[in-house]
């Protein structure tokens, strides 16, 4: 169960988390300049804020990516946005808090 303001424990990704990854796949490609053969959600942690931050470990083929994905509340349209990304991760790297990266916001506004 998500903890308001804090990160919960890591758990295996399910179809709903994969759906979030699918929705931000083009944002990941735009930010990294790479077209990955696949983006498969592996595991995640979540943080309840004014919506939910999902910190997701993604199998991108030859590397793993950690992404911070924000999903707004229903009254805001449940918008899904990429708020941060860390590349060159391994399958064994733990999921940790990712700061919001301003460069991502610039990519999303285009």
PDB file of N, CA and C in Angstrom:
ATOM      1  N   UNK A   1       0.842  -1.174   0.000  1.00  0.00           N
ATOM      2  CA  UNK A   1       0.000   0.000   0.000  1.00  0.00           C
ATOM      3  C   UNK A   1       0.889   1.239   0.000  1.00  0.00           C
ATOM      4  N   UNK A   2       0.603   2.226  -0.876  1.00  0.00           N
ATOM      5  CA  UNK A   2       1.399   3.441  -0.919  1.00  0.00           C
ATOM      6  C   UNK A   2       1.349   4.200   0.404  1.00  0.00           C
ATOM      7  N   UNK A   3       2.465   4.835   0.743  1.00  0.00           N
ATOM      8  CA  UNK A   3       2.576   5.644   1.945  1.00  0.00           C
ATOM      9  C   UNK A   3       2.520   7.104   1.512  1.00  0.00           C
ATOM     10  N   UNK A   4       1.621   7.884   2.071  1.00  0.00           N
ATOM     11  CA  UNK A   4       1.477   9.284   1.687  1.00  0.00           C
ATOM     12  C   UNK A   4       2.800  10.015   1.905  1.00  0.00           C
ATOM     13  N   UNK A   5       3.399  10.492   0.814  1.00  0.00           N
ATOM     14  CA  UNK A   5       4.637  11.247   0.876  1.00  0.00           C
ATOM     15  C   UNK A   5       5.904  10.422   0.833  1.00  0.00           C
ATOM     16  N   UNK A   6       5.870   9.146   1.202  1.00  0.00           N
ATOM     17  CA  UNK A   6       7.070   8.308   1.210  1.00  0.00           C
ATOM     18  C   UNK A   6       6.987   7.228   0.144  1.00  0.00           C
ATOM     19  N   UNK A   7       8.123   6.623  -0.164  1.00  0.00           N
ATOM     20  CA  UNK A   7       8.137   5.513  -1.120  1.00  0.00           C
ATOM     21  C   UNK A   7       7.755   4.226  -0.411  1.00  0.00           C
ATOM     22  N   UNK A   8       6.940   3.428  -1.076  1.00  0.00           N
ATOM     23  CA  UNK A   8       6.602   2.126  -0.510  1.00  0.00           C
ATOM     24  C   UNK A   8       7.642   1.098  -0.947  1.00  0.00           C
ATOM     25  N   UNK A   9       7.432  -0.154  -0.585  1.00  0.00           N
ATOM     26  CA  UNK A   9       8.357  -1.225  -0.943  1.00  0.00           C
ATOM     27  C   UNK A   9       8.263  -1.557  -2.426  1.00  0.00           C
ATOM     28  N   UNK A  10       9.357  -2.054  -2.982  1.00  0.00           N
ATOM     29  CA  UNK A  10       9.396  -2.476  -4.376  1.00  0.00           C
ATOM     30  C   UNK A  10       8.519  -3.703  -4.568  1.00  0.00           C
ATOM     31  N   UNK A  11       7.822  -3.743  -5.685  1.00  0.00           N
ATOM     32  CA  UNK A  11       7.006  -4.913  -6.012  1.00  0.00           C
ATOM     33  C   UNK A  11       7.017  -5.137  -7.524  1.00  0.00           C
ATOM     34  N   UNK A  12       6.684  -6.347  -7.960  1.00  0.00           N
ATOM     35  CA  UNK A  12       6.696  -6.646  -9.393  1.00  0.00           C
ATOM     36  C   UNK A  12       5.688  -5.780 -10.151  1.00  0.00           C
ATOM     37  N   UNK A  13       6.089  -5.369 -11.342  1.00  0.00           N
ATOM     38  CA  UNK A  13       5.195  -4.576 -12.191  1.00  0.00           C
ATOM     39  C   UNK A  13       4.048  -5.445 -12.689  1.00  0.00           C
ATOM     40  N   UNK A  14       2.898  -4.818 -12.842  1.00  0.00           N
ATOM     41  CA  UNK A  14       1.721  -5.506 -13.373  1.00  0.00           C
ATOM     42  C   UNK A  14       1.273  -4.784 -14.647  1.00  0.00           C
ATOM     43  N   UNK A  15       0.116  -5.169 -15.176  1.00  0.00           N
ATOM     44  CA  UNK A  15      -0.375  -4.587 -16.427  1.00  0.00           C
ATOM     45  C   UNK A  15      -0.609  -3.079 -16.313  1.00  0.00           C
ATOM     46  N   UNK A  16      -1.040  -2.610 -15.152  1.00  0.00           N
ATOM     47  CA  UNK A  16      -1.300  -1.171 -15.016  1.00  0.00           C
ATOM     48  C   UNK A  16       0.006  -0.371 -15.081  1.00  0.00           C
ATOM     49  N   UNK A  17       1.085  -0.902 -14.528  1.00  0.00           N
ATOM     50  CA  UNK A  17       2.381  -0.222 -14.586  1.00  0.00           C
ATOM     51  C   UNK A  17       2.936  -0.290 -16.011  1.00  0.00           C
ATOM     52  N   UNK A  18       2.775  -1.420 -16.676  1.00  0.00           N
ATOM     53  CA  UNK A  18       3.209  -1.528 -18.073  1.00  0.00           C
ATOM     54  C   UNK A  18       2.457  -0.523 -18.937  1.00  0.00           C
ATOM     55  N   UNK A  19       1.177  -0.323 -18.662  1.00  0.00           N
ATOM     56  CA  UNK A  19       0.382   0.656 -19.404  1.00  0.00           C
ATOM     57  C   UNK A  19       0.953   2.067 -19.241  1.00  0.00           C
ATOM     58  N   UNK A  20       1.391   2.415 -18.020  1.00  0.00           N
ATOM     59  CA  UNK A  20       2.014   3.727 -17.799  1.00  0.00           C
ATOM     60  C   UNK A  20       3.298   3.865 -18.621  1.00  0.00           C
ATOM     61  N   UNK A  21       4.119   2.803 -18.625  1.00  0.00           N
ATOM     62  CA  UNK A  21       5.360   2.810 -19.403  1.00  0.00           C
ATOM     63  C   UNK A  21       5.043   2.969 -20.887  1.00  0.00           C
ATOM     64  N   UNK A  22       4.042   2.268 -21.365  1.00  0.00           N
ATOM     65  CA  UNK A  22       3.658   2.382 -22.774  1.00  0.00           C
ATOM     66  C   UNK A  22       3.252   3.815 -23.118  1.00  0.00           C
ATOM     67  N   UNK A  23       2.574   4.480 -22.190  1.00  0.00           N
ATOM     68  CA  UNK A  23       2.101   5.846 -22.432  1.00  0.00           C
ATOM     69  C   UNK A  23       3.238   6.867 -22.491  1.00  0.00           C
ATOM     70  N   UNK A  24       4.359   6.604 -21.828  1.00  0.00           N
ATOM     71  CA  UNK A  24       5.461   7.566 -21.825  1.00  0.00           C
ATOM     72  C   UNK A  24       6.654   7.087 -22.662  1.00  0.00           C
ATOM     73  N   UNK A  25       6.489   6.009 -23.411  1.00  0.00           N
ATOM     74  CA  UNK A  25       7.588   5.456 -24.214  1.00  0.00           C
ATOM     75  C   UNK A  25       8.159   6.487 -25.190  1.00  0.00           C
ATOM     76  N   UNK A  26       7.311   7.260 -25.831  1.00  0.00           N
ATOM     77  CA  UNK A  26       7.810   8.263 -26.780  1.00  0.00           C
ATOM     78  C   UNK A  26       8.559   9.370 -26.047  1.00  0.00           C
ATOM     79  N   UNK A  27       8.163   9.685 -24.819  1.00  0.00           N
ATOM     80  CA  UNK A  27       8.865  10.695 -24.030  1.00  0.00           C
ATOM     81  C   UNK A  27      10.255  10.195 -23.637  1.00  0.00           C
ATOM     82  N   UNK A  28      10.359   8.899 -23.314  1.00  0.00           N
ATOM     83  CA  UNK A  28      11.667   8.312 -22.994  1.00  0.00           C
ATOM     84  C   UNK A  28      12.572   8.386 -24.220  1.00  0.00           C
ATOM     85  N   UNK A  29      12.053   8.030 -25.377  1.00  0.00           N
ATOM     86  CA  UNK A  29      12.845   8.089 -26.612  1.00  0.00           C
ATOM     87  C   UNK A  29      13.277   9.510 -26.926  1.00  0.00           C
ATOM     88  N   UNK A  30      12.363  10.475 -26.765  1.00  0.00           N
ATOM     89  CA  UNK A  30      12.689  11.875 -27.045  1.00  0.00           C
ATOM     90  C   UNK A  30      13.770  12.385 -26.095  1.00  0.00           C
ATOM     91  N   UNK A  31      13.661  12.031 -24.830  1.00  0.00           N
ATOM     92  CA  UNK A  31      14.628  12.515 -23.839  1.00  0.00           C
ATOM     93  C   UNK A  31      16.002  11.883 -24.023  1.00  0.00           C
ATOM     94  N   UNK A  32      16.041  10.597 -24.323  1.00  0.00           N
ATOM     95  CA  UNK A  32      17.318   9.885 -24.416  1.00  0.00           C
ATOM     96  C   UNK A  32      17.922   9.929 -25.811  1.00  0.00           C
ATOM     97  N   UNK A  33      17.101  10.210 -26.822  1.00  0.00           N
ATOM     98  CA  UNK A  33      17.584  10.166 -28.190  1.00  0.00           C
ATOM     99  C   UNK A  33      17.779   8.749 -28.691  1.00  0.00           C
ATOM    100  N   UNK A  34      17.188   7.782 -28.003  1.00  0.00           N
ATOM    101  CA  UNK A  34      17.328   6.371 -28.370  1.00  0.00           C
ATOM    102  C   UNK A  34      15.958   5.756 -28.639  1.00  0.00           C
ATOM    103  N   UNK A  35      15.928   4.853 -29.597  1.00  0.00           N
ATOM    104  CA  UNK A  35      14.727   4.055 -29.832  1.00  0.00           C
ATOM    105  C   UNK A  35      15.020   2.663 -29.312  1.00  0.00           C
ATOM    106  N   UNK A  36      14.401   2.325 -28.200  1.00  0.00           N
ATOM    107  CA  UNK A  36      14.641   1.041 -27.566  1.00  0.00           C
ATOM    108  C   UNK A  36      13.779  -0.029 -28.219  1.00  0.00           C
ATOM    109  N   UNK A  37      14.327  -1.271 -28.368  1.00  0.00           N
ATOM    110  CA  UNK A  37      13.560  -2.336 -28.995  1.00  0.00           C
ATOM    111  C   UNK A  37      12.316  -2.710 -28.191  1.00  0.00           C
ATOM    112  N   UNK A  38      12.407  -2.513 -26.890  1.00  0.00           N
ATOM    113  CA  UNK A  38      11.251  -2.781 -26.024  1.00  0.00           C
ATOM    114  C   UNK A  38      11.443  -2.006 -24.729  1.00  0.00           C
ATOM    115  N   UNK A  39      10.357  -1.709 -24.075  1.00  0.00           N
ATOM    116  CA  UNK A  39      10.377  -1.087 -22.752  1.00  0.00           C
ATOM    117  C   UNK A  39       9.415  -1.893 -21.896  1.00  0.00           C
ATOM    118  N   UNK A  40       9.972  -2.793 -21.099  1.00  0.00           N
ATOM    119  CA  UNK A  40       9.165  -3.697 -20.290  1.00  0.00           C
ATOM    120  C   UNK A  40       9.308  -3.360 -18.819  1.00  0.00           C
ATOM    121  N   UNK A  41       8.197  -3.008 -18.184  1.00  0.00           N
ATOM    122  CA  UNK A  41       8.208  -2.701 -16.750  1.00  0.00           C
ATOM    123  C   UNK A  41       8.556  -3.969 -15.977  1.00  0.00           C
ATOM    124  N   UNK A  42       9.522  -3.859 -15.060  1.00  0.00           N
ATOM    125  CA  UNK A  42       9.987  -4.998 -14.269  1.00  0.00           C
ATOM    126  C   UNK A  42       9.442  -4.918 -12.845  1.00  0.00           C
ATOM    127  N   UNK A  43       9.690  -3.791 -12.196  1.00  0.00           N
ATOM    128  CA  UNK A  43       9.253  -3.590 -10.819  1.00  0.00           C
ATOM    129  C   UNK A  43       9.073  -2.101 -10.582  1.00  0.00           C
ATOM    130  N   UNK A  44       8.489  -1.766  -9.423  1.00  0.00           N
ATOM    131  CA  UNK A  44       8.232  -0.347  -9.157  1.00  0.00           C
ATOM    132  C   UNK A  44       8.010  -0.090  -7.672  1.00  0.00           C
ATOM    133  N   UNK A  45       8.143   1.196  -7.342  1.00  0.00           N
ATOM    134  CA  UNK A  45       7.751   1.737  -6.044  1.00  0.00           C
ATOM    135  C   UNK A  45       6.819   2.897  -6.349  1.00  0.00           C
ATOM    136  N   UNK A  46       5.982   3.262  -5.392  1.00  0.00           N
ATOM    137  CA  UNK A  46       5.100   4.401  -5.624  1.00  0.00           C
ATOM    138  C   UNK A  46       5.140   5.362  -4.448  1.00  0.00           C
ATOM    139  N   UNK A  47       4.703   6.585  -4.726  1.00  0.00           N
ATOM    140  CA  UNK A  47       4.663   7.660  -3.742  1.00  0.00           C
ATOM    141  C   UNK A  47       3.380   8.445  -3.987  1.00  0.00           C
ATOM    142  N   UNK A  48       2.543   8.540  -2.962  1.00  0.00           N
ATOM    143  CA  UNK A  48       1.301   9.293  -3.084  1.00  0.00           C
ATOM    144  C   UNK A  48       1.594  10.760  -2.812  1.00  0.00           C
ATOM    145  N   UNK A  49       1.252  11.600  -3.777  1.00  0.00           N
ATOM    146  CA  UNK A  49       1.383  13.049  -3.667  1.00  0.00           C
ATOM    147  C   UNK A  49       0.034  13.610  -4.113  1.00  0.00           C
ATOM    148  N   UNK A  50      -0.008  14.691  -4.854  1.00  0.00           N
ATOM    149  CA  UNK A  50      -1.267  15.163  -5.452  1.00  0.00           C
ATOM    150  C   UNK A  50      -1.441  14.379  -6.756  1.00  0.00           C
ATOM    151  N   UNK A  51      -1.573  13.087  -6.617  1.00  0.00           N
ATOM    152  CA  UNK A  51      -1.536  12.099  -7.685  1.00  0.00           C
ATOM    153  C   UNK A  51      -0.600  11.009  -7.184  1.00  0.00           C
ATOM    154  N   UNK A  52       0.050  10.303  -8.086  1.00  0.00           N
ATOM    155  CA  UNK A  52       0.992   9.258  -7.688  1.00  0.00           C
ATOM    156  C   UNK A  52       2.243   9.331  -8.535  1.00  0.00           C
ATOM    157  N   UNK A  53       3.392   9.289  -7.866  1.00  0.00           N
ATOM    158  CA  UNK A  53       4.664   9.117  -8.554  1.00  0.00           C
ATOM    159  C   UNK A  53       4.981   7.628  -8.556  1.00  0.00           C
ATOM    160  N   UNK A  54       5.312   7.111  -9.733  1.00  0.00           N
ATOM    161  CA  UNK A  54       5.751   5.727  -9.857  1.00  0.00           C
ATOM    162  C   UNK A  54       7.220   5.748 -10.244  1.00  0.00           C
ATOM    163  N   UNK A  55       8.035   5.026  -9.498  1.00  0.00           N
ATOM    164  CA  UNK A  55       9.448   4.884  -9.772  1.00  0.00           C
ATOM    165  C   UNK A  55       9.611   3.470 -10.325  1.00  0.00           C
ATOM    166  N   UNK A  56       9.831   3.374 -11.641  1.00  0.00           N
ATOM    167  CA  UNK A  56       9.720   2.101 -12.349  1.00  0.00           C
ATOM    168  C   UNK A  56      11.057   1.658 -12.918  1.00  0.00           C
ATOM    169  N   UNK A  57      11.412   0.399 -12.657  1.00  0.00           N
ATOM    170  CA  UNK A  57      12.572  -0.226 -13.298  1.00  0.00           C
ATOM    171  C   UNK A  57      12.082  -0.802 -14.616  1.00  0.00           C
ATOM    172  N   UNK A  58      12.728  -0.411 -15.713  1.00  0.00           N
ATOM    173  CA  UNK A  58      12.296  -0.801 -17.061  1.00  0.00           C
ATOM    174  C   UNK A  58      13.418  -1.549 -17.761  1.00  0.00           C
ATOM    175  N   UNK A  59      13.098  -2.715 -18.301  1.00  0.00           N
ATOM    176  CA  UNK A  59      14.031  -3.471 -19.129  1.00  0.00           C
ATOM    177  C   UNK A  59      13.933  -2.882 -20.536  1.00  0.00           C
ATOM    178  N   UNK A  60      15.042  -2.277 -21.002  1.00  0.00           N
ATOM    179  CA  UNK A  60      15.062  -1.635 -22.314  1.00  0.00           C
ATOM    180  C   UNK A  60      15.939  -2.398 -23.301  1.00  0.00           C
ATOM    181  N   UNK A  61      16.096  -3.680 -23.092  1.00  0.00           N
ATOM    182  CA  UNK A  61      16.915  -4.489 -23.994  1.00  0.00           C
ATOM    183  C   UNK A  61      18.306  -4.674 -23.435  1.00  0.00           C
ATOM    184  N   UNK A  62      19.266  -3.850 -23.880  1.00  0.00           N
ATOM    185  CA  UNK A  62      20.652  -3.986 -23.436  1.00  0.00           C
ATOM    186  C   UNK A  62      20.945  -3.245 -22.141  1.00  0.00           C
ATOM    187  N   UNK A  63      20.011  -2.498 -21.626  1.00  0.00           N
ATOM    188  CA  UNK A  63      20.191  -1.787 -20.363  1.00  0.00           C
ATOM    189  C   UNK A  63      18.856  -1.711 -19.630  1.00  0.00           C
ATOM    190  N   UNK A  64      18.928  -1.337 -18.387  1.00  0.00           N
ATOM    191  CA  UNK A  64      17.720  -1.053 -17.615  1.00  0.00           C
ATOM    192  C   UNK A  64      17.670   0.448 -17.379  1.00  0.00           C
ATOM    193  N   UNK A  65      16.479   0.968 -17.331  1.00  0.00           N
ATOM    194  CA  UNK A  65      16.220   2.385 -17.105  1.00  0.00           C
ATOM    195  C   UNK A  65      15.352   2.491 -15.862  1.00  0.00           C
ATOM    196  N   UNK A  66      15.599   3.501 -15.052  1.00  0.00           N
ATOM    197  CA  UNK A  66      14.696   3.813 -13.952  1.00  0.00           C
ATOM    198  C   UNK A  66      13.986   5.102 -14.330  1.00  0.00           C
ATOM    199  N   UNK A  67      12.664   5.107 -14.257  1.00  0.00           N
ATOM    200  CA  UNK A  67      11.883   6.269 -14.659  1.00  0.00           C
ATOM    201  C   UNK A  67      10.956   6.709 -13.538  1.00  0.00           C
ATOM    202  N   UNK A  68      10.807   8.012 -13.410  1.00  0.00           N
ATOM    203  CA  UNK A  68       9.824   8.587 -12.492  1.00  0.00           C
ATOM    204  C   UNK A  68       8.646   9.007 -13.356  1.00  0.00           C
ATOM    205  N   UNK A  69       7.508   8.357 -13.132  1.00  0.00           N
ATOM    206  CA  UNK A  69       6.298   8.612 -13.914  1.00  0.00           C
ATOM    207  C   UNK A  69       5.241   9.178 -12.975  1.00  0.00           C
ATOM    208  N   UNK A  70       4.679  10.314 -13.342  1.00  0.00           N
ATOM    209  CA  UNK A  70       3.633  10.931 -12.536  1.00  0.00           C
ATOM    210  C   UNK A  70       2.281  10.667 -13.178  1.00  0.00           C
ATOM    211  N   UNK A  71       1.311  10.247 -12.356  1.00  0.00           N
ATOM    212  CA  UNK A  71      -0.072  10.109 -12.820  1.00  0.00           C
ATOM    213  C   UNK A  71      -0.939  10.990 -11.928  1.00  0.00           C
ATOM    214  N   UNK A  72      -1.581  11.964 -12.563  1.00  0.00           N
ATOM    215  CA  UNK A  72      -2.424  12.899 -11.827  1.00  0.00           C
ATOM    216  C   UNK A  72      -3.709  12.254 -11.336  1.00  0.00           C
ATOM    217  N   UNK A  73      -4.397  12.981 -10.493  1.00  0.00           N
ATOM    218  CA  UNK A  73      -5.678  12.528  -9.957  1.00  0.00           C
ATOM    219  C   UNK A  73      -6.758  12.573 -11.037  1.00  0.00           C
ATOM    220  N   UNK A  74      -7.822  11.792 -10.870  1.00  0.00           N
ATOM    221  CA  UNK A  74      -8.880  11.746 -11.891  1.00  0.00           C
ATOM    222  C   UNK A  74      -9.463  13.118 -12.258  1.00  0.00           C
ATOM    223  N   UNK A  75      -9.623  14.025 -11.297  1.00  0.00           N
ATOM    224  CA  UNK A  75     -10.214  15.325 -11.625  1.00  0.00           C
ATOM    225  C   UNK A  75      -9.285  16.189 -12.481  1.00  0.00           C
ATOM    226  N   UNK A  76      -8.009  15.785 -12.612  1.00  0.00           N
ATOM    227  CA  UNK A  76      -7.070  16.495 -13.485  1.00  0.00           C
ATOM    228  C   UNK A  76      -6.923  15.784 -14.826  1.00  0.00           C
ATOM    229  N   UNK A  77      -7.713  14.752 -15.029  1.00  0.00           N
ATOM    230  CA  UNK A  77      -7.642  13.981 -16.264  1.00  0.00           C
ATOM    231  C   UNK A  77      -6.682  12.813 -16.191  1.00  0.00           C
ATOM    232  N   UNK A  78      -6.181  12.509 -15.000  1.00  0.00           N
ATOM    233  CA  UNK A  78      -5.248  11.391 -14.800  1.00  0.00           C
ATOM    234  C   UNK A  78      -4.061  11.460 -15.755  1.00  0.00           C
ATOM    235  N   UNK A  79      -3.586  12.677 -16.010  1.00  0.00           N
ATOM    236  CA  UNK A  79      -2.461  12.892 -16.914  1.00  0.00           C
ATOM    237  C   UNK A  79      -1.271  12.037 -16.494  1.00  0.00           C
ATOM    238  N   UNK A  80      -0.551  11.478 -17.479  1.00  0.00           N
ATOM    239  CA  UNK A  80       0.636  10.657 -17.241  1.00  0.00           C
ATOM    240  C   UNK A  80       1.826  11.377 -17.870  1.00  0.00           C
ATOM    241  N   UNK A  81       2.858  11.661 -17.044  1.00  0.00           N
ATOM    242  CA  UNK A  81       4.023  12.405 -17.517  1.00  0.00           C
ATOM    243  C   UNK A  81       5.311  11.766 -17.012  1.00  0.00           C
ATOM    244  N   UNK A  82       6.345  11.840 -17.832  1.00  0.00           N
ATOM    245  CA  UNK A  82       7.684  11.426 -17.422  1.00  0.00           C
ATOM    246  C   UNK A  82       8.314  12.593 -16.674  1.00  0.00           C
ATOM    247  N   UNK A  83       8.702  12.385 -15.420  1.00  0.00           N
ATOM    248  CA  UNK A  83       9.290  13.451 -14.612  1.00  0.00           C
ATOM    249  C   UNK A  83      10.769  13.240 -14.308  1.00  0.00           C
ATOM    250  N   UNK A  84      11.327  12.134 -14.702  1.00  0.00           N
ATOM    251  CA  UNK A  84      12.748  11.885 -14.488  1.00  0.00           C
ATOM    252  C   UNK A  84      13.154  10.538 -15.039  1.00  0.00           C
ATOM    253  N   UNK A  85      14.427  10.410 -15.353  1.00  0.00           N
ATOM    254  CA  UNK A  85      14.917   9.146 -15.910  1.00  0.00           C
ATOM    255  C   UNK A  85      16.385   8.969 -15.533  1.00  0.00           C
ATOM    256  N   UNK A  86      16.773   7.748 -15.273  1.00  0.00           N
ATOM    257  CA  UNK A  86      18.168   7.389 -15.023  1.00  0.00           C
ATOM    258  C   UNK A  86      18.500   6.199 -15.916  1.00  0.00           C
ATOM    259  N   UNK A  87      19.557   6.337 -16.689  1.00  0.00           N
ATOM    260  CA  UNK A  87      19.976   5.286 -17.615  1.00  0.00           C
ATOM    261  C   UNK A  87      21.129   4.475 -17.044  1.00  0.00           C
ATOM    262  N   UNK A  88      21.531   3.470 -17.816  1.00  0.00           N
ATOM    263  CA  UNK A  88      22.686   2.624 -17.500  1.00  0.00           C
ATOM    264  C   UNK A  88      22.547   1.931 -16.150  1.00  0.00           C
ATOM    265  N   UNK A  89      21.353   1.480 -15.872  1.00  0.00           N
ATOM    266  CA  UNK A  89      21.097   0.714 -14.657  1.00  0.00           C
ATOM    267  C   UNK A  89      21.173  -0.771 -14.995  1.00  0.00           C
ATOM    268  N   UNK A  90      21.349  -1.599 -13.977  1.00  0.00           N
ATOM    269  CA  UNK A  90      21.331  -3.045 -14.184  1.00  0.00           C
ATOM    270  C   UNK A  90      20.056  -3.616 -13.561  1.00  0.00           C
ATOM    271  N   UNK A  91      19.826  -4.871 -13.846  1.00  0.00           N
ATOM    272  CA  UNK A  91      18.661  -5.552 -13.275  1.00  0.00           C
ATOM    273  C   UNK A  91      18.727  -5.558 -11.747  1.00  0.00           C
ATOM    274  N   UNK A  92      19.927  -5.530 -11.199  1.00  0.00           N
ATOM    275  CA  UNK A  92      20.111  -5.645  -9.749  1.00  0.00           C
ATOM    276  C   UNK A  92      20.112  -4.309  -9.018  1.00  0.00           C
ATOM    277  N   UNK A  93      20.167  -3.192  -9.735  1.00  0.00           N
ATOM    278  CA  UNK A  93      20.166  -1.887  -9.077  1.00  0.00           C
ATOM    279  C   UNK A  93      18.821  -1.638  -8.401  1.00  0.00           C
ATOM    280  N   UNK A  94      18.844  -1.211  -7.136  1.00  0.00           N
ATOM    281  CA  UNK A  94      17.576  -0.941  -6.452  1.00  0.00           C
ATOM    282  C   UNK A  94      16.902   0.314  -7.006  1.00  0.00           C
ATOM    283  N   UNK A  95      15.614   0.336  -6.911  1.00  0.00           N
ATOM    284  CA  UNK A  95      14.849   1.518  -7.313  1.00  0.00           C
ATOM    285  C   UNK A  95      14.959   2.539  -6.187  1.00  0.00           C
ATOM    286  N   UNK A  96      15.370   3.743  -6.548  1.00  0.00           N
ATOM    287  CA  UNK A  96      15.521   4.805  -5.563  1.00  0.00           C
ATOM    288  C   UNK A  96      14.769   6.042  -6.034  1.00  0.00           C
ATOM    289  N   UNK A  97      14.624   6.986  -5.126  1.00  0.00           N
ATOM    290  CA  UNK A  97      13.951   8.242  -5.428  1.00  0.00           C
ATOM    291  C   UNK A  97      14.689   8.958  -6.558  1.00  0.00           C
ATOM    292  N   UNK A  98      13.958   9.494  -7.516  1.00  0.00           N
ATOM    293  CA  UNK A  98      14.516  10.249  -8.637  1.00  0.00           C
ATOM    294  C   UNK A  98      13.968  11.669  -8.547  1.00  0.00           C
ATOM    295  N   UNK A  99      14.854  12.647  -8.512  1.00  0.00           N
ATOM    296  CA  UNK A  99      14.440  14.042  -8.490  1.00  0.00           C
ATOM    297  C   UNK A  99      13.781  14.406  -9.820  1.00  0.00           C
ATOM    298  N   UNK A 100      12.847  15.360  -9.771  1.00  0.00           N
ATOM    299  CA  UNK A 100      12.251  15.878 -11.002  1.00  0.00           C
ATOM    300  C   UNK A 100      13.353  16.592 -11.765  1.00  0.00           C
ATOM    301  N   UNK A 101      13.478  16.285 -13.041  1.00  0.00           N
ATOM    302  CA  UNK A 101      14.510  16.893 -13.885  1.00  0.00           C
ATOM    303  C   UNK A 101      13.862  17.954 -14.777  1.00  0.00           C
ATOM    304  N   UNK A 102      14.229  19.243 -14.648  1.00  0.00           N
ATOM    305  CA  UNK A 102      13.623  20.310 -15.453  1.00  0.00           C
ATOM    306  C   UNK A 102      13.694  20.059 -16.948  1.00  0.00           C
ATOM    307  N   UNK A 103      14.760  19.415 -17.416  1.00  0.00           N
ATOM    308  CA  UNK A 103      14.894  19.155 -18.853  1.00  0.00           C
ATOM    309  C   UNK A 103      13.731  18.317 -19.378  1.00  0.00           C
ATOM    310  N   UNK A 104      13.175  17.431 -18.559  1.00  0.00           N
ATOM    311  CA  UNK A 104      12.042  16.605 -18.965  1.00  0.00           C
ATOM    312  C   UNK A 104      10.849  17.502 -19.264  1.00  0.00           C
ATOM    313  N   UNK A 105      10.583  18.478 -18.398  1.00  0.00           N
ATOM    314  CA  UNK A 105       9.448  19.375 -18.598  1.00  0.00           C
ATOM    315  C   UNK A 105       9.576  20.106 -19.933  1.00  0.00           C
ATOM    316  N   UNK A 106      10.787  20.494 -20.297  1.00  0.00           N
ATOM    317  CA  UNK A 106      10.998  21.175 -21.574  1.00  0.00           C
ATOM    318  C   UNK A 106      10.666  20.245 -22.734  1.00  0.00           C
ATOM    319  N   UNK A 107      11.041  18.983 -22.612  1.00  0.00           N
ATOM    320  CA  UNK A 107      10.741  18.007 -23.671  1.00  0.00           C
ATOM    321  C   UNK A 107       9.241  17.823 -23.785  1.00  0.00           C
ATOM    322  N   UNK A 108       8.536  17.770 -22.651  1.00  0.00           N
ATOM    323  CA  UNK A 108       7.097  17.536 -22.676  1.00  0.00           C
ATOM    324  C   UNK A 108       6.323  18.716 -23.252  1.00  0.00           C
ATOM    325  N   UNK A 109       6.859  19.929 -23.140  1.00  0.00           N
ATOM    326  CA  UNK A 109       6.127  21.093 -23.611  1.00  0.00           C
ATOM    327  C   UNK A 109       6.197  21.258 -25.113  1.00  0.00           C
ATOM    328  N   UNK A 110       7.080  20.525 -25.775  1.00  0.00           N
ATOM    329  CA  UNK A 110       7.198  20.628 -27.240  1.00  0.00           C
ATOM    330  C   UNK A 110       6.176  19.808 -27.947  1.00  0.00           C
TER     331      UNK A 110
END
